[in-house]
Full PDB file with SEQRES, HELIX, SHEET, SSBOND, CRYST1, ORIGX, SCALE, CONECT and MASTER records, all heavy atoms in Angstrom:
SEQRES   1 A   32  GLY HIS VAL PRO PHE GLY ASP ALA SER ASP ALA PHE ALA          
SEQRES   2 A   32  GLU MET MET VAL ASP LEU LEU GLU GLY HIS GLY ILE ASP          
SEQRES   3 A   32  ARG ASP VAL ALA GLU ASP                                      
HELIX    1 AA1 ASP A   10  GLY A   22  1                                  13    
HELIX    2 AA2 ARG A   27  GLU A   31  1                                   5    
CRYST1    1.000    1.000    1.000  90.00  90.00  90.00 P 1           1          
ORIGX1      1.000000  0.000000  0.000000        0.00000                         
ORIGX2      0.000000  1.000000  0.000000        0.00000                         
ORIGX3      0.000000  0.000000  1.000000        0.00000                         
SCALE1      1.000000  0.000000  0.000000        0.00000                         
SCALE2      0.000000  1.000000  0.000000        0.00000                         
SCALE3      0.000000  0.000000  1.000000        0.00000                         
ATOM      1  N   GLY A   1      63.392  95.085  93.098  1.00  0.00           N  
ATOM      2  CA  GLY A   1      63.975  95.514  94.362  1.00  0.00           C  
ATOM      3  C   GLY A   1      62.946  95.946  95.381  1.00  0.00           C  
ATOM      4  O   GLY A   1      61.792  96.188  95.054  1.00  0.00           O  
ATOM      5  N   HIS A   2      63.357  95.991  96.617  1.00  0.00           N  
ATOM      6  CA  HIS A   2      62.520  96.521  97.688  1.00  0.00           C  
ATOM      7  C   HIS A   2      62.879  97.987  97.829  1.00  0.00           C  
ATOM      8  O   HIS A   2      63.894  98.333  98.407  1.00  0.00           O  
ATOM      9  CB  HIS A   2      62.736  95.765  98.994  1.00  0.00           C  
ATOM     10  CG  HIS A   2      62.028  94.453  99.028  1.00  0.00           C  
ATOM     11  ND1 HIS A   2      62.163  93.583 100.069  1.00  0.00           N  
ATOM     12  CD2 HIS A   2      61.169  93.863  98.166  1.00  0.00           C  
ATOM     13  CE1 HIS A   2      61.426  92.505  99.845  1.00  0.00           C  
ATOM     14  NE2 HIS A   2      60.828  92.656  98.678  1.00  0.00           N  
ATOM     15  N   VAL A   3      62.043  98.835  97.248  1.00  0.00           N  
ATOM     16  CA  VAL A   3      62.299 100.273  97.240  1.00  0.00           C  
ATOM     17  C   VAL A   3      61.317 100.971  98.167  1.00  0.00           C  
ATOM     18  O   VAL A   3      60.183 100.521  98.343  1.00  0.00           O  
ATOM     19  CB  VAL A   3      62.193 100.860  95.814  1.00  0.00           C  
ATOM     20  CG1 VAL A   3      63.268 100.269  94.923  1.00  0.00           C  
ATOM     21  CG2 VAL A   3      60.836 100.622  95.211  1.00  0.00           C  
ATOM     22  N   PRO A   4      61.726 102.075  98.793  1.00  0.00           N  
ATOM     23  CA  PRO A   4      60.797 102.809  99.647  1.00  0.00           C  
ATOM     24  C   PRO A   4      59.654 103.362  98.805  1.00  0.00           C  
ATOM     25  O   PRO A   4      59.860 103.817  97.686  1.00  0.00           O  
ATOM     26  CB  PRO A   4      61.639 103.948 100.218  1.00  0.00           C  
ATOM     27  CG  PRO A   4      62.961 103.874  99.588  1.00  0.00           C  
ATOM     28  CD  PRO A   4      63.025 102.690  98.702  1.00  0.00           C  
ATOM     29  N   PHE A   5      58.442 103.284  99.345  1.00  0.00           N  
ATOM     30  CA  PHE A   5      57.304 103.747  98.563  1.00  0.00           C  
ATOM     31  C   PHE A   5      56.402 104.697  99.320  1.00  0.00           C  
ATOM     32  O   PHE A   5      55.493 105.278  98.748  1.00  0.00           O  
ATOM     33  CB  PHE A   5      56.485 102.576  98.015  1.00  0.00           C  
ATOM     34  CG  PHE A   5      55.997 101.614  99.065  1.00  0.00           C  
ATOM     35  CD1 PHE A   5      54.840 101.847  99.765  1.00  0.00           C  
ATOM     36  CD2 PHE A   5      56.709 100.464  99.324  1.00  0.00           C  
ATOM     37  CE1 PHE A   5      54.401 100.951 100.729  1.00  0.00           C  
ATOM     38  CE2 PHE A   5      56.265  99.550 100.283  1.00  0.00           C  
ATOM     39  CZ  PHE A   5      55.105  99.800 100.983  1.00  0.00           C  
ATOM     40  N   GLY A   6      56.629 104.885 100.604  1.00  0.00           N  
ATOM     41  CA  GLY A   6      55.769 105.789 101.363  1.00  0.00           C  
ATOM     42  C   GLY A   6      54.339 105.299 101.372  1.00  0.00           C  
ATOM     43  O   GLY A   6      54.072 104.112 101.344  1.00  0.00           O  
ATOM     44  N   ASP A   7      53.419 106.229 101.383  1.00  0.00           N  
ATOM     45  CA  ASP A   7      52.005 105.869 101.383  1.00  0.00           C  
ATOM     46  C   ASP A   7      51.543 105.541  99.975  1.00  0.00           C  
ATOM     47  O   ASP A   7      51.922 106.198  99.017  1.00  0.00           O  
ATOM     48  CB  ASP A   7      51.154 107.028 101.914  1.00  0.00           C  
ATOM     49  CG  ASP A   7      51.422 107.300 103.373  1.00  0.00           C  
ATOM     50  OD1 ASP A   7      51.731 106.332 104.090  1.00  0.00           O  
ATOM     51  OD2 ASP A   7      51.339 108.468 103.787  1.00  0.00           O  
ATOM     52  N   ALA A   8      50.720 104.521  99.847  1.00  0.00           N  
ATOM     53  CA  ALA A   8      50.105 104.208  98.555  1.00  0.00           C  
ATOM     54  C   ALA A   8      48.949 105.195  98.368  1.00  0.00           C  
ATOM     55  O   ALA A   8      47.826 104.947  98.766  1.00  0.00           O  
ATOM     56  CB  ALA A   8      49.640 102.764  98.529  1.00  0.00           C  
ATOM     57  N   SER A   9      49.253 106.345  97.805  1.00  0.00           N  
ATOM     58  CA  SER A   9      48.303 107.448  97.689  1.00  0.00           C  
ATOM     59  C   SER A   9      47.360 107.276  96.515  1.00  0.00           C  
ATOM     60  O   SER A   9      47.490 106.356  95.702  1.00  0.00           O  
ATOM     61  CB  SER A   9      49.081 108.755  97.510  1.00  0.00           C  
ATOM     62  OG  SER A   9      49.739 108.724  96.252  1.00  0.00           O  
ATOM     63  N   ASP A  10      46.401 108.206  96.422  1.00  0.00           N  
ATOM     64  CA  ASP A  10      45.475 108.216  95.293  1.00  0.00           C  
ATOM     65  C   ASP A  10      46.233 108.372  93.982  1.00  0.00           C  
ATOM     66  O   ASP A  10      45.881 107.765  92.977  1.00  0.00           O  
ATOM     67  CB  ASP A  10      44.447 109.344  95.440  1.00  0.00           C  
ATOM     68  CG  ASP A  10      43.447 109.073  96.551  1.00  0.00           C  
ATOM     69  OD1 ASP A  10      43.314 107.913  96.983  1.00  0.00           O  
ATOM     70  OD2 ASP A  10      42.796 110.042  96.991  1.00  0.00           O  
ATOM     71  N   ALA A  11      47.287 109.189  93.978  1.00  0.00           N  
ATOM     72  CA  ALA A  11      48.088 109.387  92.760  1.00  0.00           C  
ATOM     73  C   ALA A  11      48.762 108.085  92.346  1.00  0.00           C  
ATOM     74  O   ALA A  11      48.840 107.761  91.160  1.00  0.00           O  
ATOM     75  CB  ALA A  11      49.127 110.479  92.979  1.00  0.00           C  
ATOM     76  N   PHE A  12      49.232 107.314  93.335  1.00  0.00           N  
ATOM     77  CA  PHE A  12      49.845 106.026  93.027  1.00  0.00           C  
ATOM     78  C   PHE A  12      48.797 105.072  92.463  1.00  0.00           C  
ATOM     79  O   PHE A  12      49.049 104.373  91.475  1.00  0.00           O  
ATOM     80  CB  PHE A  12      50.495 105.420  94.272  1.00  0.00           C  
ATOM     81  CG  PHE A  12      51.058 104.062  94.018  1.00  0.00           C  
ATOM     82  CD1 PHE A  12      52.300 103.920  93.428  1.00  0.00           C  
ATOM     83  CD2 PHE A  12      50.332 102.930  94.333  1.00  0.00           C  
ATOM     84  CE1 PHE A  12      52.811 102.659  93.157  1.00  0.00           C  
ATOM     85  CE2 PHE A  12      50.839 101.676  94.069  1.00  0.00           C  
ATOM     86  CZ  PHE A  12      52.078 101.534  93.482  1.00  0.00           C  
ATOM     87  N   ALA A  13      47.635 105.031  93.074  1.00  0.00           N  
ATOM     88  CA  ALA A  13      46.565 104.154  92.588  1.00  0.00           C  
ATOM     89  C   ALA A  13      46.192 104.513  91.156  1.00  0.00           C  
ATOM     90  O   ALA A  13      46.003 103.628  90.310  1.00  0.00           O  
ATOM     91  CB  ALA A  13      45.347 104.244  93.507  1.00  0.00           C  
ATOM     92  N   GLU A  14      46.113 105.805  90.868  1.00  0.00           N  
ATOM     93  CA  GLU A  14      45.786 106.242  89.510  1.00  0.00           C  
ATOM     94  C   GLU A  14      46.876 105.815  88.529  1.00  0.00           C  
ATOM     95  O   GLU A  14      46.587 105.396  87.407  1.00  0.00           O  
ATOM     96  CB  GLU A  14      45.589 107.760  89.465  1.00  0.00           C  
ATOM     97  CG  GLU A  14      45.123 108.277  88.138  1.00  0.00           C  
ATOM     98  CD  GLU A  14      43.733 107.793  87.729  1.00  0.00           C  
ATOM     99  OE1 GLU A  14      42.912 107.454  88.591  1.00  0.00           O  
ATOM    100  OE2 GLU A  14      43.474 107.767  86.512  1.00  0.00           O  
ATOM    101  N   MET A  15      48.152 105.877  88.949  1.00  0.00           N  
ATOM    102  CA  MET A  15      49.245 105.430  88.091  1.00  0.00           C  
ATOM    103  C   MET A  15      49.116 103.935  87.794  1.00  0.00           C  
ATOM    104  O   MET A  15      49.325 103.489  86.667  1.00  0.00           O  
ATOM    105  CB  MET A  15      50.607 105.720  88.716  1.00  0.00           C  
ATOM    106  CG  MET A  15      51.766 105.337  87.811  1.00  0.00           C  
ATOM    107  SD  MET A  15      53.407 105.652  88.507  1.00  0.00           S  
ATOM    108  CE  MET A  15      53.566 104.278  89.649  1.00  0.00           C  
ATOM    109  N   MET A  16      48.747 103.134  88.803  1.00  0.00           N  
ATOM    110  CA  MET A  16      48.564 101.696  88.603  1.00  0.00           C  
ATOM    111  C   MET A  16      47.443 101.441  87.588  1.00  0.00           C  
ATOM    112  O   MET A  16      47.577 100.607  86.695  1.00  0.00           O  
ATOM    113  CB  MET A  16      48.232 100.992  89.930  1.00  0.00           C  
ATOM    114  CG  MET A  16      49.372 100.963  90.924  1.00  0.00           C  
ATOM    115  SD  MET A  16      50.718  99.854  90.436  1.00  0.00           S  
ATOM    116  CE  MET A  16      51.992 101.038  90.070  1.00  0.00           C  
ATOM    117  N   VAL A  17      46.325 102.168  87.726  1.00  0.00           N  
ATOM    118  CA  VAL A  17      45.213 102.024  86.782  1.00  0.00           C  
ATOM    119  C   VAL A  17      45.687 102.380  85.370  1.00  0.00           C  
ATOM    120  O   VAL A  17      45.412 101.656  84.404  1.00  0.00           O  
ATOM    121  CB  VAL A  17      44.001 102.896  87.196  1.00  0.00           C  
ATOM    122  CG1 VAL A  17      42.954 102.942  86.084  1.00  0.00           C  
ATOM    123  CG2 VAL A  17      43.384 102.370  88.489  1.00  0.00           C  
ATOM    124  N   ASP A  18      46.404 103.479  85.237  1.00  0.00           N  
ATOM    125  CA  ASP A  18      46.903 103.904  83.926  1.00  0.00           C  
ATOM    126  C   ASP A  18      47.848 102.858  83.326  1.00  0.00           C  
ATOM    127  O   ASP A  18      47.807 102.599  82.113  1.00  0.00           O  
ATOM    128  CB  ASP A  18      47.621 105.252  84.031  1.00  0.00           C  
ATOM    129  CG  ASP A  18      46.677 106.411  84.309  1.00  0.00           C  
ATOM    130  OD1 ASP A  18      45.442 106.257  84.145  1.00  0.00           O  
ATOM    131  OD2 ASP A  18      47.184 107.487  84.702  1.00  0.00           O  
ATOM    132  N   LEU A  19      48.717 102.283  84.149  1.00  0.00           N  
ATOM    133  CA  LEU A  19      49.632 101.253  83.658  1.00  0.00           C  
ATOM    134  C   LEU A  19      48.868 100.035  83.146  1.00  0.00           C  
ATOM    135  O   LEU A  19      49.185  99.493  82.082  1.00  0.00           O  
ATOM    136  CB  LEU A  19      50.603 100.833  84.758  1.00  0.00           C  
ATOM    137  CG  LEU A  19      51.713 101.814  85.088  1.00  0.00           C  
ATOM    138  CD1 LEU A  19      52.369 101.453  86.415  1.00  0.00           C  
ATOM    139  CD2 LEU A  19      52.746 101.836  83.974  1.00  0.00           C  
ATOM    140  N   LEU A  20      47.866  99.593  83.905  1.00  0.00           N  
ATOM    141  CA  LEU A  20      47.063  98.446  83.477  1.00  0.00           C  
ATOM    142  C   LEU A  20      46.315  98.764  82.193  1.00  0.00           C  
ATOM    143  O   LEU A  20      46.278  97.959  81.259  1.00  0.00           O  
ATOM    144  CB  LEU A  20      46.093  98.030  84.587  1.00  0.00           C  
ATOM    145  CG  LEU A  20      46.743  97.398  85.818  1.00  0.00           C  
ATOM    146  CD1 LEU A  20      45.736  97.307  86.956  1.00  0.00           C  
ATOM    147  CD2 LEU A  20      47.310  96.035  85.490  1.00  0.00           C  
ATOM    148  N   GLU A  21      45.716  99.954  82.142  1.00  0.00           N  
ATOM    149  CA  GLU A  21      44.974 100.348  80.949  1.00  0.00           C  
ATOM    150  C   GLU A  21      45.922 100.435  79.743  1.00  0.00           C  
ATOM    151  O   GLU A  21      45.570 100.011  78.636  1.00  0.00           O  
ATOM    152  CB  GLU A  21      44.276 101.679  81.178  1.00  0.00           C  
ATOM    153  CG  GLU A  21      43.361 102.070  80.028  1.00  0.00           C  
ATOM    154  CD  GLU A  21      42.622 103.366  80.291  1.00  0.00           C  
ATOM    155  OE1 GLU A  21      43.169 104.267  80.961  1.00  0.00           O  
ATOM    156  OE2 GLU A  21      41.500 103.479  79.781  1.00  0.00           O  
ATOM    157  N   GLY A  22      47.108 100.950  79.949  1.00  0.00           N  
ATOM    158  CA  GLY A  22      48.097 101.028  78.877  1.00  0.00           C  
ATOM    159  C   GLY A  22      48.550  99.669  78.384  1.00  0.00           C  
ATOM    160  O   GLY A  22      49.067  99.519  77.281  1.00  0.00           O  
ATOM    161  N   HIS A  23      48.348  98.659  79.211  1.00  0.00           N  
ATOM    162  CA  HIS A  23      48.692  97.279  78.860  1.00  0.00           C  
ATOM    163  C   HIS A  23      47.534  96.595  78.133  1.00  0.00           C  
ATOM    164  O   HIS A  23      47.609  95.426  77.796  1.00  0.00           O  
ATOM    165  CB  HIS A  23      49.073  96.521  80.138  1.00  0.00           C  
ATOM    166  CG  HIS A  23      49.795  95.233  79.906  1.00  0.00           C  
ATOM    167  ND1 HIS A  23      51.083  95.176  79.445  1.00  0.00           N  
ATOM    168  CD2 HIS A  23      49.397  93.951  80.052  1.00  0.00           C  
ATOM    169  CE1 HIS A  23      51.451  93.908  79.338  1.00  0.00           C  
ATOM    170  NE2 HIS A  23      50.437  93.148  79.698  1.00  0.00           N  
ATOM    171  N   GLY A  24      46.430  97.339  77.932  1.00  0.00           N  
ATOM    172  CA  GLY A  24      45.290  96.799  77.195  1.00  0.00           C  
ATOM    173  C   GLY A  24      44.148  96.292  78.052  1.00  0.00           C  
ATOM    174  O   GLY A  24      43.192  95.712  77.546  1.00  0.00           O  
ATOM    175  N   ILE A  25      44.226  96.520  79.354  1.00  0.00           N  
ATOM    176  CA  ILE A  25      43.159  96.085  80.260  1.00  0.00           C  
ATOM    177  C   ILE A  25      42.118  97.191  80.352  1.00  0.00           C  
ATOM    178  O   ILE A  25      42.458  98.368  80.497  1.00  0.00           O  
ATOM    179  CB  ILE A  25      43.745  95.726  81.641  1.00  0.00           C  
ATOM    180  CG1 ILE A  25      44.669  94.513  81.477  1.00  0.00           C  
ATOM    181  CG2 ILE A  25      42.650  95.482  82.663  1.00  0.00           C  
ATOM    182  CD1 ILE A  25      45.475  94.181  82.684  1.00  0.00           C  
ATOM    183  N   ASP A  26      40.852  96.810  80.245  1.00  0.00           N  
ATOM    184  CA  ASP A  26      39.748  97.765  80.326  1.00  0.00           C  
ATOM    185  C   ASP A  26      39.864  98.599  81.608  1.00  0.00           C  
ATOM    186  O   ASP A  26      40.194  98.073  82.672  1.00  0.00           O  
ATOM    187  CB  ASP A  26      38.422  96.993  80.313  1.00  0.00           C  
ATOM    188  CG  ASP A  26      37.230  97.906  80.391  1.00  0.00           C  
ATOM    189  OD1 ASP A  26      36.894  98.518  79.367  1.00  0.00           O  
ATOM    190  OD2 ASP A  26      36.649  97.999  81.507  1.00  0.00           O  
ATOM    191  N   ARG A  27      39.609  99.896  81.501  1.00  0.00           N  
ATOM    192  CA  ARG A  27      39.777 100.807  82.639  1.00  0.00           C  
ATOM    193  C   ARG A  27      38.930 100.387  83.840  1.00  0.00           C  
ATOM    194  O   ARG A  27      39.402 100.435  84.978  1.00  0.00           O  
ATOM    195  CB  ARG A  27      39.471 102.248  82.245  1.00  0.00           C  
ATOM    196  CG  ARG A  27      39.782 103.224  83.382  1.00  0.00           C  
ATOM    197  CD  ARG A  27      39.956 104.643  82.894  1.00  0.00           C  
ATOM    198  NE  ARG A  27      40.498 105.466  83.947  1.00  0.00           N  
ATOM    199  CZ  ARG A  27      41.792 105.662  84.178  1.00  0.00           C  
ATOM    200  NH1 ARG A  27      42.700 105.089  83.427  1.00  0.00           N  
ATOM    201  NH2 ARG A  27      42.205 106.437  85.167  1.00  0.00           N  
ATOM    202  N   ASP A  28      37.686  99.970  83.630  1.00  0.00           N  
ATOM    203  CA  ASP A  28      36.843  99.537  84.748  1.00  0.00           C  
ATOM    204  C   ASP A  28      37.443  98.319  85.451  1.00  0.00           C  
ATOM    205  O   ASP A  28      37.438  98.233  86.681  1.00  0.00           O  
ATOM    206  CB  ASP A  28      35.421  99.226  84.276  1.00  0.00           C  
ATOM    207  CG  ASP A  28      34.653 100.473  83.870  1.00  0.00           C  
ATOM    208  OD1 ASP A  28      35.021 101.587  84.322  1.00  0.00           O  
ATOM    209  OD2 ASP A  28      33.686 100.348  83.098  1.00  0.00           O  
ATOM    210  N   VAL A  29      37.951  97.369  84.671  1.00  0.00           N  
ATOM    211  CA  VAL A  29      38.604  96.184  85.241  1.00  0.00           C  
ATOM    212  C   VAL A  29      39.852  96.605  86.015  1.00  0.00           C  
ATOM    213  O   VAL A  29      40.112  96.114  87.117  1.00  0.00           O  
ATOM    214  CB  VAL A  29      38.949  95.166  84.131  1.00  0.00           C  
ATOM    215  CG1 VAL A  29      39.787  94.018  84.679  1.00  0.00           C  
ATOM    216  CG2 VAL A  29      37.674  94.644  83.473  1.00  0.00           C  
ATOM    217  N   ALA A  30      40.622  97.532  85.443  1.00  0.00           N  
ATOM    218  CA  ALA A  30      41.838  98.022  86.099  1.00  0.00           C  
ATOM    219  C   ALA A  30      41.510  98.706  87.423  1.00  0.00           C  
ATOM    220  O   ALA A  30      42.173  98.469  88.437  1.00  0.00           O  
ATOM    221  CB  ALA A  30      42.595  98.974  85.174  1.00  0.00           C  
ATOM    222  N   GLU A  31      40.480  99.551  87.436  1.00  0.00           N  
ATOM    223  CA  GLU A  31      40.092 100.241  88.670  1.00  0.00           C  
ATOM    224  C   GLU A  31      39.645  99.254  89.739  1.00  0.00           C  
ATOM    225  O   GLU A  31      39.996  99.392  90.916  1.00  0.00           O  
ATOM    226  CB  GLU A  31      38.988 101.255  88.379  1.00  0.00           C  
ATOM    227  CG  GLU A  31      39.493 102.471  87.624  1.00  0.00           C  
ATOM    228  CD  GLU A  31      38.390 103.414  87.185  1.00  0.00           C  
ATOM    229  OE1 GLU A  31      37.193 103.036  87.219  1.00  0.00           O  
ATOM    230  OE2 GLU A  31      38.727 104.552  86.788  1.00  0.00           O  
ATOM    231  N   ASP A  32      38.871  98.236  89.345  1.00  0.00           N  
ATOM    232  CA  ASP A  32      38.443  97.210  90.303  1.00  0.00           C  
ATOM    233  C   ASP A  32      39.643  96.455  90.860  1.00  0.00           C  
ATOM    234  O   ASP A  32      39.722  96.197  92.067  1.00  0.00           O  
ATOM    235  CB  ASP A  32      37.468  96.228  89.648  1.00  0.00           C  
ATOM    236  CG  ASP A  32      36.104  96.835  89.364  1.00  0.00           C  
ATOM    237  OD1 ASP A  32      35.800  97.924  89.894  1.00  0.00           O  
ATOM    238  OD2 ASP A  32      35.336  96.215  88.593  1.00  0.00           O  
TER     239      ASP A  32                                                      
MASTER        0    0    0    2    0    0    0    6  238    1    0    3          
END                                                                             
């Protein structure tokens, strides 16, 4: 769905990195 997301903040970026890392992607690769 198209949900409201406000600003893509640092906390959101960190959540994305954590999700990728939790999926087995190396943290450095996820951060990049």
